[in-house]
Protein backbone atom coordinates (compact mmCIF):
# COMPACT_ATOMS: atom_id res chain seq x y z
CA GLY A 1 7.65 -6.03 -4.29
CA ASP A 2 7.07 -7.84 -1.11
CA LEU A 3 4.35 -8.83 1.29
CA ASP A 4 4.49 -7.03 4.62
CA PHE A 5 3.35 -8.67 7.84
CA VAL A 6 2.94 -7.19 11.29
CA GLY A 7 4.03 -9.17 14.32
CA ASP A 8 6.70 -11.50 15.55
CA VAL A 9 7.55 -14.63 13.60
CA GLN A 10 6.31 -17.42 15.84
CA THR A 11 8.26 -20.66 16.13
CA THR A 12 5.73 -22.64 14.07
CA VAL A 13 5.78 -20.00 11.31
CA LEU A 14 9.60 -19.86 11.42
CA SER A 15 9.76 -23.61 10.94
CA ARG A 16 7.30 -23.57 8.05
CA LEU A 17 9.11 -20.72 6.29
CA LYS A 18 12.41 -22.61 6.50
CA THR A 19 10.79 -25.87 5.34
CA ALA A 20 9.25 -24.02 2.37
CA GLY A 21 12.71 -22.80 1.31
CA PHE A 22 12.71 -19.23 2.65
CA LYS A 23 15.96 -17.76 3.90
CA ARG A 24 16.05 -14.97 6.47
CA THR A 25 17.95 -11.74 5.81
CA GLY A 26 17.27 -9.32 8.66
CA ARG A 27 13.54 -8.63 8.72
CA HIS A 28 13.09 -10.15 5.25
CA TRP A 29 12.33 -13.71 4.29
CA ILE A 30 13.29 -14.52 0.71
CA HIS A 31 12.40 -17.47 -1.49
CA GLU A 32 14.83 -16.94 -4.36
CA GLN A 33 13.50 -19.62 -6.71
CA ASP A 34 9.91 -18.36 -6.63
CA GLN A 35 10.92 -14.70 -6.13
CA VAL A 36 8.71 -14.28 -3.07
CA PHE A 37 9.74 -11.64 -0.54
CA LEU A 38 8.15 -11.42 2.89
CA GLU A 39 8.87 -8.61 5.32
CA PHE A 40 8.08 -8.22 9.00
CA PRO A 41 8.76 -4.46 9.40
CA SER A 42 7.08 -4.03 12.76
CA THR A 43 5.62 -5.95 15.67
CA ARG A 44 2.54 -3.70 15.76
CA LEU A 45 0.45 -1.44 13.57
CA ALA A 46 1.19 2.27 13.37
CA ASP A 47 -0.96 4.57 15.50
CA GLY A 48 -4.36 5.05 13.92
CA GLU A 49 -4.11 2.04 11.58
CA ARG A 50 -6.99 -0.43 11.68
CA LEU A 51 -7.44 -4.06 10.77
CA VAL A 52 -10.21 -5.47 8.60
CA VAL A 53 -11.16 -9.05 7.75
CA ARG A 54 -11.41 -10.07 4.10
CA ILE A 55 -12.25 -13.40 2.51
CA CYS A 56 -9.93 -14.30 -0.36
CA TYR A 57 -10.56 -17.57 -2.21
CA GLY A 58 -12.41 -18.87 0.83
CA VAL A 59 -9.59 -17.98 3.25
CA LYS A 60 -10.20 -15.49 6.05
CA LEU A 61 -7.45 -12.84 6.07
CA THR A 62 -6.88 -10.09 8.60
CA ILE A 63 -5.27 -7.16 6.81
CA VAL A 64 -4.53 -3.49 7.35
CA ASP A 65 -7.52 -1.37 6.32
CA PRO A 66 -7.04 -0.47 2.63
CA HIS A 67 -7.73 3.20 3.47
CA ASP A 68 -4.64 3.17 5.69
CA LEU A 69 -2.59 1.49 2.95
CA ILE A 70 -3.63 4.11 0.41
CA VAL A 71 -2.72 6.98 2.72
CA ASP A 72 0.58 5.30 3.60
CA ARG A 73 1.47 5.07 -0.11
CA LEU A 74 0.42 8.70 -0.69
CA ALA A 75 2.58 9.82 2.23
CA ALA A 76 5.55 7.91 0.77
CA TRP A 77 4.89 9.53 -2.62
CA VAL A 78 4.87 13.00 -1.09
CA HIS A 79 7.48 12.76 1.64
CA TRP A 80 9.97 10.32 0.07
CA ARG A 81 9.43 11.54 -3.51
CA SER A 82 8.59 7.98 -4.53
CA SER A 83 6.53 7.99 -7.72
CA VAL A 84 6.10 4.19 -7.56
CA ASP A 85 4.18 4.75 -4.31
CA GLY A 86 1.93 7.24 -6.10
CA VAL A 87 1.24 4.57 -8.72
CA ASN A 88 0.54 1.99 -6.01
CA ALA A 89 -1.91 4.35 -4.29
CA ALA A 90 -3.65 4.93 -7.63
CA LEU A 91 -3.92 1.18 -8.28
CA LEU A 92 -5.37 0.59 -4.83
CA VAL A 93 -7.93 3.36 -5.30
CA TRP A 94 -8.82 2.09 -8.76
CA SER A 95 -9.45 -1.45 -7.56
CA LEU A 96 -11.35 -0.40 -4.41
CA ARG A 97 -13.06 2.78 -5.64
CA ALA A 98 -16.61 1.46 -5.17
CA GLU A 99 -16.11 0.67 -1.49
CA LEU A 100 -13.86 3.48 -0.28
CA SER A 101 -14.93 6.07 2.25
CA TRP A 102 -13.61 9.36 0.89
CA ARG A 103 -14.43 11.01 4.21
CA HIS A 104 -12.12 8.58 6.02
CA LEU A 105 -9.41 8.90 3.35
CA THR A 106 -9.57 12.69 3.58
CA LYS A 107 -9.22 12.63 7.37
CA GLN A 108 -6.31 10.17 7.26
CA ALA A 109 -4.54 12.07 4.46
CA ALA A 110 -4.78 15.33 6.41
CA ALA A 111 -3.22 13.64 9.44
CA GLN A 112 -0.32 12.40 7.28
CA GLY A 113 0.26 15.69 5.44
CA CYS A 114 -0.78 14.41 2.04
CA SER A 115 -4.19 16.01 1.42
CA ASP A 116 -3.07 17.57 -1.86
CA ALA A 117 -1.84 14.19 -3.09
CA LEU A 118 -5.21 12.60 -2.27
CA ALA A 119 -7.04 15.41 -4.09
CA SER A 120 -4.84 14.86 -7.15
CA LEU A 121 -5.41 11.12 -7.02
CA LYS A 122 -9.17 11.53 -6.71
CA GLN A 123 -9.23 13.92 -9.67
CA PHE A 124 -7.06 11.53 -11.72
CA ILE A 125 -8.86 8.24 -10.97
CA LEU A 126 -12.56 8.87 -10.41
CA PRO A 127 -13.57 10.21 -13.86
CA ARG A 128 -11.97 7.23 -15.65
CA ARG A 129 -14.07 4.41 -17.04
CA ARG A 130 -11.06 2.13 -17.59
CA LYS A 131 -7.97 1.39 -15.57
CA PRO A 132 -5.14 3.71 -16.65
CA SER A 133 -2.29 2.09 -18.55
CA PRO A 134 1.07 1.70 -16.80
CA SER A 135 2.56 4.54 -18.86
CA VAL A 136 -0.33 6.90 -18.02
CA LEU A 137 -0.01 6.01 -14.33
CA ALA A 138 3.74 6.60 -14.40
CA ARG A 139 3.38 9.99 -16.15
CA TRP A 140 0.75 11.07 -13.61
CA ALA A 141 2.85 10.00 -10.63
CA GLU A 142 5.98 11.65 -12.01
CA SER A 143 4.19 14.80 -13.19
CA PHE A 144 4.81 16.43 -9.84
CA GLY A 145 8.49 15.56 -9.83
CA GLY A 146 7.99 13.68 -6.59
CA LYS A 147 6.76 16.86 -4.89
CA THR A 148 3.46 17.43 -3.19
CA PRO A 149 0.89 18.04 -5.91
CA ARG A 150 -0.24 21.63 -6.21
CA ARG A 151 -3.80 22.54 -5.38
CA ARG A 152 -5.84 23.66 -8.33
């Protein structure tokens, strides 16, 4: 996919993107040769979204709280019938499962109308000792036909 950024593209960033070979198409910046896609979908975070600071390879990054990203992907899975978003939510939960606050996720999911999807995801991911294969993830995400998962 792409990397999403929040904010306006400042003049210095604009210049560096162009120098690096990116071409602008609407709110997207595309580097065809390296197949890198950047998107600036909004100038501010959505209501209720939070920022966190992470260190990645010694670089300080300010990113959207992963809890908010997970709930955003679950909401897309439920409301847009996008199974790839269900898979993305599952991959995020898998990689961050040791540090997630399920209380916070539950509260955010309820606010976005995707509590059942979160319950299904929790039931699918948490008992596993190994990361599910792509085919298992796809079958799980498509098993609801893009609809809100039923409560059990």
